[in-house]
Amino acid sequence: MTDSFRWQSSALTDVGKVRKLNEDSILDRGDVGLWVVADGMGGHSAGDLASQLIVNSLAKLDTGSTLPDFVESVEVAVQDVNDRLFAVANAHNQTSGSTVVMLLTHGRHAVVIWAGDSRCYLLRKGHLRQVTTDHTQIELFIAKGLLTRAEAAGHPSGNMVTRAVGVTDSLLLEMDLLELEDGDRFLLCSDGLDKHLKDEEIAQHLAGEDPQAVARVLIDQTLARGAMDNVSVCVVKVTQN
């Protein structure tokens, strides 16, 4: 069986219905198999610049010839952005941070790397799975058994992010390695999407054949429901050669 895969992708972002500034940044490097959603942290100074710095750094990245090289170059680039943002924050006594979720594809594998509550979903054979785990206070409460998933809905700590680029001197990125299958659909999104769309709705839309149309309908449905935050998506459809 061949290990060769190809992909189609589309990325869109929108300021939403409430915010005046779009602090999200997106990257679609389908030519090398790299997609990114970065969500500048609301309430922090220059959140839009933080997310843009991540995307700009990854946009010119040399991905290397192997998957380990690819992963290492991404990690180094994001760690460098973290160091730069943290240094500026210390110099000006202000915080500039961003969540990030990244999808890398190479050969028959995909790697998801993230910090914060921007998410990656995988739709495989009709089943939707959230690959990432939100780095939030509420997820810590759930993991420790202090709250159930149902009790966590609408909790005041729901938006409290525990990990992000630029907010601490050392950044711990989490990652997951997956083996690709024919027909896989990936969705990267900022939390402006999952605030308004349920998993079953995401799965229904993600099953569409055209990534551009899927990205558009995900954004449009979020806008139709009020889009309280900026909203960004990267949709990736994987096909085996």
C-alpha atoms as a PDB file:
ATOM      1  CA  MET A   1       0.000   0.000   0.000  1.00  0.00           C
ATOM      2  CA  THR A   2       1.343   3.430  -0.897  1.00  0.00           C
ATOM      3  CA  ASP A   3       2.299   5.882   1.834  1.00  0.00           C
ATOM      4  CA  SER A   4       1.780   8.831  -0.467  1.00  0.00           C
ATOM      5  CA  PHE A   5      -0.915  11.349   0.426  1.00  0.00           C
ATOM      6  CA  ARG A   6      -2.047  14.645  -1.002  1.00  0.00           C
ATOM      7  CA  TRP A   7      -4.284  17.291   0.461  1.00  0.00           C
ATOM      8  CA  GLN A   8      -6.580  20.154  -0.372  1.00  0.00           C
ATOM      9  CA  SER A   9      -7.005  22.980   2.091  1.00  0.00           C
ATOM     10  CA  SER A  10      -8.608  26.330   2.763  1.00  0.00           C
ATOM     11  CA  ALA A  11      -8.197  28.893   5.542  1.00  0.00           C
ATOM     12  CA  LEU A  12     -10.490  31.772   6.493  1.00  0.00           C
ATOM     13  CA  THR A  13     -10.715  34.289   9.329  1.00  0.00           C
ATOM     14  CA  ASP A  14     -13.320  36.880  10.334  1.00  0.00           C
ATOM     15  CA  VAL A  15     -13.408  39.601  12.973  1.00  0.00           C
ATOM     16  CA  GLY A  16     -16.880  38.479  14.045  1.00  0.00           C
ATOM     17  CA  LYS A  17     -19.881  40.564  15.077  1.00  0.00           C
ATOM     18  CA  VAL A  18     -18.624  42.148  18.316  1.00  0.00           C
ATOM     19  CA  ARG A  19     -14.873  42.761  18.304  1.00  0.00           C
ATOM     20  CA  LYS A  20     -13.370  45.747  16.523  1.00  0.00           C
ATOM     21  CA  LEU A  21     -10.003  44.086  15.911  1.00  0.00           C
ATOM     22  CA  ASN A  22      -9.209  40.634  14.567  1.00  0.00           C
ATOM     23  CA  GLU A  23      -6.523  39.162  16.835  1.00  0.00           C
ATOM     24  CA  ASP A  24      -6.568  35.808  15.004  1.00  0.00           C
ATOM     25  CA  SER A  25      -3.952  34.932  12.397  1.00  0.00           C
ATOM     26  CA  ILE A  26      -3.970  31.959  10.009  1.00  0.00           C
ATOM     27  CA  LEU A  27      -1.502  30.185   7.750  1.00  0.00           C
ATOM     28  CA  ASP A  28      -2.197  27.771   4.891  1.00  0.00           C
ATOM     29  CA  ARG A  29       1.052  26.312   3.539  1.00  0.00           C
ATOM     30  CA  GLY A  30      -0.521  23.451   1.692  1.00  0.00           C
ATOM     31  CA  ASP A  31       2.584  23.369  -0.519  1.00  0.00           C
ATOM     32  CA  VAL A  32       4.625  21.930   2.380  1.00  0.00           C
ATOM     33  CA  GLY A  33       1.889  20.505   4.615  1.00  0.00           C
ATOM     34  CA  LEU A  34       1.710  23.138   7.367  1.00  0.00           C
ATOM     35  CA  TRP A  35      -1.404  24.864   8.703  1.00  0.00           C
ATOM     36  CA  VAL A  36      -1.701  27.238  11.659  1.00  0.00           C
ATOM     37  CA  VAL A  37      -4.363  29.069  13.649  1.00  0.00           C
ATOM     38  CA  ALA A  38      -3.110  31.555  16.255  1.00  0.00           C
ATOM     39  CA  ASP A  39      -5.509  33.451  18.529  1.00  0.00           C
ATOM     40  CA  GLY A  40      -4.106  36.614  20.101  1.00  0.00           C
ATOM     41  CA  MET A  41      -5.187  36.701  23.702  1.00  0.00           C
ATOM     42  CA  GLY A  42      -8.063  39.115  24.309  1.00  0.00           C
ATOM     43  CA  GLY A  43      -7.478  41.732  26.948  1.00  0.00           C
ATOM     44  CA  HIS A  44      -3.725  41.545  26.469  1.00  0.00           C
ATOM     45  CA  SER A  45      -1.705  44.240  24.749  1.00  0.00           C
ATOM     46  CA  ALA A  46      -0.997  43.641  21.083  1.00  0.00           C
ATOM     47  CA  GLY A  47      -2.617  40.218  20.884  1.00  0.00           C
ATOM     48  CA  ASP A  48      -2.952  40.661  17.140  1.00  0.00           C
ATOM     49  CA  LEU A  49       0.772  41.299  16.821  1.00  0.00           C
ATOM     50  CA  ALA A  50       1.537  38.185  18.877  1.00  0.00           C
ATOM     51  CA  SER A  51      -0.520  35.940  16.598  1.00  0.00           C
ATOM     52  CA  GLN A  52       0.900  37.597  13.488  1.00  0.00           C
ATOM     53  CA  LEU A  53       4.442  37.089  14.747  1.00  0.00           C
ATOM     54  CA  ILE A  54       3.811  33.341  15.079  1.00  0.00           C
ATOM     55  CA  VAL A  55       2.331  33.053  11.591  1.00  0.00           C
ATOM     56  CA  ASN A  56       4.976  35.256   9.975  1.00  0.00           C
ATOM     57  CA  SER A  57       7.732  33.168  11.543  1.00  0.00           C
ATOM     58  CA  LEU A  58       6.216  29.891  10.307  1.00  0.00           C
ATOM     59  CA  ALA A  59       5.403  31.297   6.858  1.00  0.00           C
ATOM     60  CA  LYS A  60       9.089  31.455   5.933  1.00  0.00           C
ATOM     61  CA  LEU A  61      10.146  28.287   7.704  1.00  0.00           C
ATOM     62  CA  ASP A  62      12.471  25.720   6.134  1.00  0.00           C
ATOM     63  CA  THR A  63      10.537  22.515   6.850  1.00  0.00           C
ATOM     64  CA  GLY A  64      13.477  20.147   6.403  1.00  0.00           C
ATOM     65  CA  SER A  65      13.516  16.783   4.644  1.00  0.00           C
ATOM     66  CA  THR A  66      12.204  14.492   7.407  1.00  0.00           C
ATOM     67  CA  LEU A  67       9.284  14.631   9.827  1.00  0.00           C
ATOM     68  CA  PRO A  68      11.554  15.032  12.900  1.00  0.00           C
ATOM     69  CA  ASP A  69      13.332  17.926  11.146  1.00  0.00           C
ATOM     70  CA  PHE A  70       9.955  19.476  10.308  1.00  0.00           C
ATOM     71  CA  VAL A  71       8.706  19.195  13.896  1.00  0.00           C
ATOM     72  CA  GLU A  72      11.944  20.535  15.345  1.00  0.00           C
ATOM     73  CA  SER A  73      12.000  23.558  13.033  1.00  0.00           C
ATOM     74  CA  VAL A  74       8.411  24.421  14.001  1.00  0.00           C
ATOM     75  CA  GLU A  75       9.156  24.029  17.705  1.00  0.00           C
ATOM     76  CA  VAL A  76      12.284  26.175  17.484  1.00  0.00           C
ATOM     77  CA  ALA A  77      10.450  28.894  15.561  1.00  0.00           C
ATOM     78  CA  VAL A  78       7.569  29.081  18.055  1.00  0.00           C
ATOM     79  CA  GLN A  79       9.930  28.977  21.043  1.00  0.00           C
ATOM     80  CA  ASP A  80      11.841  31.874  19.497  1.00  0.00           C
ATOM     81  CA  VAL A  81       8.607  33.864  19.150  1.00  0.00           C
ATOM     82  CA  ASN A  82       7.815  33.050  22.787  1.00  0.00           C
ATOM     83  CA  ASP A  83      11.197  34.400  23.889  1.00  0.00           C
ATOM     84  CA  ARG A  84      10.791  37.589  21.849  1.00  0.00           C
ATOM     85  CA  LEU A  85       7.274  38.272  23.116  1.00  0.00           C
ATOM     86  CA  PHE A  86       8.238  37.593  26.731  1.00  0.00           C
ATOM     87  CA  ALA A  87      11.258  39.900  26.476  1.00  0.00           C
ATOM     88  CA  VAL A  88       9.111  42.715  25.076  1.00  0.00           C
ATOM     89  CA  ALA A  89       6.516  42.117  27.794  1.00  0.00           C
ATOM     90  CA  ASN A  90       9.157  42.460  30.498  1.00  0.00           C
ATOM     91  CA  ALA A  91      10.632  45.576  28.922  1.00  0.00           C
ATOM     92  CA  HIS A  92       7.261  47.325  28.684  1.00  0.00           C
ATOM     93  CA  ASN A  93       5.524  45.738  31.685  1.00  0.00           C
ATOM     94  CA  GLN A  94       2.711  44.347  29.558  1.00  0.00           C
ATOM     95  CA  THR A  95       1.631  40.930  28.299  1.00  0.00           C
ATOM     96  CA  SER A  96       1.386  40.022  24.624  1.00  0.00           C
ATOM     97  CA  GLY A  97       0.349  36.418  24.036  1.00  0.00           C
ATOM     98  CA  SER A  98      -1.360  34.038  21.655  1.00  0.00           C
ATOM     99  CA  THR A  99      -2.699  30.504  21.633  1.00  0.00           C
ATOM    100  CA  VAL A 100      -1.627  28.384  18.687  1.00  0.00           C
ATOM    101  CA  VAL A 101      -2.573  25.113  17.000  1.00  0.00           C
ATOM    102  CA  MET A 102      -0.522  23.696  14.132  1.00  0.00           C
ATOM    103  CA  LEU A 103      -0.946  20.732  11.794  1.00  0.00           C
ATOM    104  CA  LEU A 104       2.077  19.234  10.016  1.00  0.00           C
ATOM    105  CA  THR A 105       1.816  16.479   7.407  1.00  0.00           C
ATOM    106  CA  HIS A 106       4.729  14.463   6.065  1.00  0.00           C
ATOM    107  CA  GLY A 107       4.600  11.114   4.295  1.00  0.00           C
ATOM    108  CA  ARG A 108       1.921   9.005   5.986  1.00  0.00           C
ATOM    109  CA  HIS A 109       1.963  10.926   9.264  1.00  0.00           C
ATOM    110  CA  ALA A 110       0.495  14.072  10.735  1.00  0.00           C
ATOM    111  CA  VAL A 111       1.627  15.913  13.858  1.00  0.00           C
ATOM    112  CA  VAL A 112      -0.591  18.300  15.785  1.00  0.00           C
ATOM    113  CA  ILE A 113       1.205  20.808  18.034  1.00  0.00           C
ATOM    114  CA  TRP A 114      -0.577  23.274  20.283  1.00  0.00           C
ATOM    115  CA  ALA A 115      -0.639  25.602  23.281  1.00  0.00           C
ATOM    116  CA  GLY A 116      -3.885  27.056  24.597  1.00  0.00           C
ATOM    117  CA  ASP A 117      -7.500  26.495  23.590  1.00  0.00           C
ATOM    118  CA  SER A 118      -7.360  26.738  19.805  1.00  0.00           C
ATOM    119  CA  ARG A 119      -8.389  23.287  18.615  1.00  0.00           C
ATOM    120  CA  CYS A 120      -7.735  20.569  16.072  1.00  0.00           C
ATOM    121  CA  TYR A 121     -10.538  18.187  15.107  1.00  0.00           C
ATOM    122  CA  LEU A 122     -10.223  15.039  12.994  1.00  0.00           C
ATOM    123  CA  LEU A 123     -13.170  13.607  11.074  1.00  0.00           C
ATOM    124  CA  ARG A 124     -12.421   9.984  10.140  1.00  0.00           C
ATOM    125  CA  LYS A 125     -14.975   7.553   8.723  1.00  0.00           C
ATOM    126  CA  GLY A 126     -17.813   9.771   9.938  1.00  0.00           C
ATOM    127  CA  HIS A 127     -16.507  10.034  13.505  1.00  0.00           C
ATOM    128  CA  LEU A 128     -15.362  13.413  14.857  1.00  0.00           C
ATOM    129  CA  ARG A 129     -12.593  13.516  17.443  1.00  0.00           C
ATOM    130  CA  GLN A 130     -11.039  16.516  19.149  1.00  0.00           C
ATOM    131  CA  VAL A 131      -7.307  15.790  18.841  1.00  0.00           C
ATOM    132  CA  THR A 132      -6.229  18.622  21.116  1.00  0.00           C
ATOM    133  CA  THR A 133      -7.035  19.091  24.781  1.00  0.00           C
ATOM    134  CA  ASP A 134      -7.727  22.693  25.791  1.00  0.00           C
ATOM    135  CA  HIS A 135      -5.068  24.191  28.045  1.00  0.00           C
ATOM    136  CA  THR A 136      -7.611  25.928  30.278  1.00  0.00           C
ATOM    137  CA  GLN A 137      -8.396  26.118  33.973  1.00  0.00           C
ATOM    138  CA  ILE A 138     -11.689  24.376  33.368  1.00  0.00           C
ATOM    139  CA  GLU A 139      -9.964  21.344  31.791  1.00  0.00           C
ATOM    140  CA  LEU A 140      -7.739  21.089  34.862  1.00  0.00           C
ATOM    141  CA  PHE A 141     -10.832  21.078  37.072  1.00  0.00           C
ATOM    142  CA  ILE A 142     -12.362  18.306  34.953  1.00  0.00           C
ATOM    143  CA  ALA A 143      -9.135  16.265  34.928  1.00  0.00           C
ATOM    144  CA  LYS A 144      -8.954  16.458  38.728  1.00  0.00           C
ATOM    145  CA  GLY A 145     -12.589  15.422  39.077  1.00  0.00           C
ATOM    146  CA  LEU A 146     -13.637  18.755  40.570  1.00  0.00           C
ATOM    147  CA  LEU A 147     -16.210  19.346  37.818  1.00  0.00           C
ATOM    148  CA  THR A 148     -18.064  17.194  35.315  1.00  0.00           C
ATOM    149  CA  ARG A 149     -18.118  18.127  31.642  1.00  0.00           C
ATOM    150  CA  ALA A 150     -21.763  19.180  32.034  1.00  0.00           C
ATOM    151  CA  GLU A 151     -20.996  21.323  35.077  1.00  0.00           C
ATOM    152  CA  ALA A 152     -18.143  22.997  33.215  1.00  0.00           C
ATOM    153  CA  ALA A 153     -20.453  24.454  30.558  1.00  0.00           C
ATOM    154  CA  GLY A 154     -20.781  28.167  31.183  1.00  0.00           C
ATOM    155  CA  HIS A 155     -18.381  28.110  34.143  1.00  0.00           C
ATOM    156  CA  PRO A 156     -16.752  31.521  34.842  1.00  0.00           C
ATOM    157  CA  SER A 157     -13.276  29.982  34.499  1.00  0.00           C
ATOM    158  CA  GLY A 158     -14.107  28.608  31.062  1.00  0.00           C
ATOM    159  CA  ASN A 159     -11.992  31.127  29.142  1.00  0.00           C
ATOM    160  CA  MET A 160      -8.980  31.097  31.497  1.00  0.00           C
ATOM    161  CA  VAL A 161      -6.082  29.797  29.367  1.00  0.00           C
ATOM    162  CA  THR A 162      -3.243  28.075  31.235  1.00  0.00           C
ATOM    163  CA  ARG A 163      -0.739  27.877  28.396  1.00  0.00           C
ATOM    164  CA  ALA A 164       0.049  30.248  25.516  1.00  0.00           C
ATOM    165  CA  VAL A 165       2.899  31.669  23.468  1.00  0.00           C
ATOM    166  CA  GLY A 166       4.565  34.722  25.018  1.00  0.00           C
ATOM    167  CA  VAL A 167       3.167  34.739  28.543  1.00  0.00           C
ATOM    168  CA  THR A 168       5.901  32.816  30.392  1.00  0.00           C
ATOM    169  CA  ASP A 169       9.660  32.521  29.952  1.00  0.00           C
ATOM    170  CA  SER A 170       9.413  28.819  29.036  1.00  0.00           C
ATOM    171  CA  LEU A 171       6.782  27.444  26.675  1.00  0.00           C
ATOM    172  CA  LEU A 172       5.610  23.846  26.849  1.00  0.00           C
ATOM    173  CA  LEU A 173       4.070  22.768  23.552  1.00  0.00           C
ATOM    174  CA  GLU A 174       1.905  19.650  23.484  1.00  0.00           C
ATOM    175  CA  MET A 175       1.852  17.369  20.455  1.00  0.00           C
ATOM    176  CA  ASP A 176       0.188  14.281  19.057  1.00  0.00           C
ATOM    177  CA  LEU A 177       1.343  11.999  16.240  1.00  0.00           C
ATOM    178  CA  LEU A 178      -1.257  10.431  13.948  1.00  0.00           C
ATOM    179  CA  GLU A 179      -1.101   8.035  11.026  1.00  0.00           C
ATOM    180  CA  LEU A 180      -3.033   9.426   8.062  1.00  0.00           C
ATOM    181  CA  GLU A 181      -5.901   7.575   6.405  1.00  0.00           C
ATOM    182  CA  ASP A 182      -7.585   8.163   3.068  1.00  0.00           C
ATOM    183  CA  GLY A 183     -10.468  10.619   3.467  1.00  0.00           C
ATOM    184  CA  ASP A 184      -9.304  12.219   6.722  1.00  0.00           C
ATOM    185  CA  ARG A 185     -10.610  15.740   7.329  1.00  0.00           C
ATOM    186  CA  PHE A 186      -8.828  18.054   9.734  1.00  0.00           C
ATOM    187  CA  LEU A 187     -10.154  21.287  11.174  1.00  0.00           C
ATOM    188  CA  LEU A 188      -8.026  23.825  13.016  1.00  0.00           C
ATOM    189  CA  CYS A 189     -10.027  26.597  14.667  1.00  0.00           C
ATOM    190  CA  SER A 190      -9.910  29.385  17.206  1.00  0.00           C
ATOM    191  CA  ASP A 191     -12.330  29.202  20.119  1.00  0.00           C
ATOM    192  CA  GLY A 192     -14.601  31.669  18.354  1.00  0.00           C
ATOM    193  CA  LEU A 193     -15.958  28.690  16.393  1.00  0.00           C
ATOM    194  CA  ASP A 194     -16.620  26.099  19.090  1.00  0.00           C
ATOM    195  CA  LYS A 195     -18.407  28.694  21.239  1.00  0.00           C
ATOM    196  CA  HIS A 196     -21.198  28.685  18.657  1.00  0.00           C
ATOM    197  CA  LEU A 197     -21.135  25.293  16.883  1.00  0.00           C
ATOM    198  CA  LYS A 198     -21.707  21.884  18.451  1.00  0.00           C
ATOM    199  CA  ASP A 199     -19.524  18.892  17.610  1.00  0.00           C
ATOM    200  CA  GLU A 200     -22.236  17.225  15.567  1.00  0.00           C
ATOM    201  CA  GLU A 201     -22.623  20.370  13.454  1.00  0.00           C
ATOM    202  CA  ILE A 202     -18.871  20.593  12.917  1.00  0.00           C
ATOM    203  CA  ALA A 203     -18.829  16.932  11.844  1.00  0.00           C
ATOM    204  CA  GLN A 204     -21.690  17.452   9.411  1.00  0.00           C
ATOM    205  CA  HIS A 205     -20.017  20.411   7.717  1.00  0.00           C
ATOM    206  CA  LEU A 206     -16.529  18.902   7.743  1.00  0.00           C
ATOM    207  CA  ALA A 207     -17.778  15.923   5.733  1.00  0.00           C
ATOM    208  CA  GLY A 208     -18.150  18.205   2.701  1.00  0.00           C
ATOM    209  CA  GLU A 209     -15.982  17.516  -0.333  1.00  0.00           C
ATOM    210  CA  ASP A 210     -14.688  21.054  -0.975  1.00  0.00           C
ATOM    211  CA  PRO A 211     -12.491  22.516   1.819  1.00  0.00           C
ATOM    212  CA  GLN A 212     -13.131  26.065   0.597  1.00  0.00           C
ATOM    213  CA  ALA A 213     -16.899  25.597   0.810  1.00  0.00           C
ATOM    214  CA  VAL A 214     -16.561  23.906   4.213  1.00  0.00           C
ATOM    215  CA  ALA A 215     -14.475  26.772   5.596  1.00  0.00           C
ATOM    216  CA  ARG A 216     -16.989  29.292   4.279  1.00  0.00           C
ATOM    217  CA  VAL A 217     -20.036  27.600   5.795  1.00  0.00           C
ATOM    218  CA  LEU A 218     -18.308  27.195   9.183  1.00  0.00           C
ATOM    219  CA  ILE A 219     -17.529  30.914   9.286  1.00  0.00           C
ATOM    220  CA  ASP A 220     -20.957  31.922   7.975  1.00  0.00           C
ATOM    221  CA  GLN A 221     -22.832  29.792  10.519  1.00  0.00           C
ATOM    222  CA  THR A 222     -20.756  31.290  13.332  1.00  0.00           C
ATOM    223  CA  LEU A 223     -21.519  34.803  12.080  1.00  0.00           C
ATOM    224  CA  ALA A 224     -25.223  33.954  11.846  1.00  0.00           C
ATOM    225  CA  ARG A 225     -25.156  33.019  15.544  1.00  0.00           C
ATOM    226  CA  GLY A 226     -23.649  36.286  16.694  1.00  0.00           C
ATOM    227  CA  ALA A 227     -19.882  35.591  16.488  1.00  0.00           C
ATOM    228  CA  MET A 228     -19.025  37.028  19.895  1.00  0.00           C
ATOM    229  CA  ASP A 229     -15.308  36.559  19.161  1.00  0.00           C
ATOM    230  CA  ASN A 230     -12.979  36.502  16.173  1.00  0.00           C
ATOM    231  CA  VAL A 231     -13.356  33.210  14.289  1.00  0.00           C
ATOM    232  CA  SER A 232     -10.771  31.359  12.202  1.00  0.00           C
ATOM    233  CA  VAL A 233     -10.620  27.978  10.476  1.00  0.00           C
ATOM    234  CA  CYS A 234      -8.208  25.856   8.455  1.00  0.00           C
ATOM    235  CA  VAL A 235      -9.848  22.906   6.708  1.00  0.00           C
ATOM    236  CA  VAL A 236      -7.658  20.107   5.324  1.00  0.00           C
ATOM    237  CA  LYS A 237      -8.891  17.148   3.251  1.00  0.00           C
ATOM    238  CA  VAL A 238      -6.456  14.226   2.931  1.00  0.00           C
ATOM    239  CA  THR A 239      -6.493  11.829  -0.035  1.00  0.00           C
ATOM    240  CA  GLN A 240      -4.320   8.769  -0.564  1.00  0.00           C
ATOM    241  CA  ASN A 241      -2.650   8.563  -3.956  1.00  0.00           C
END
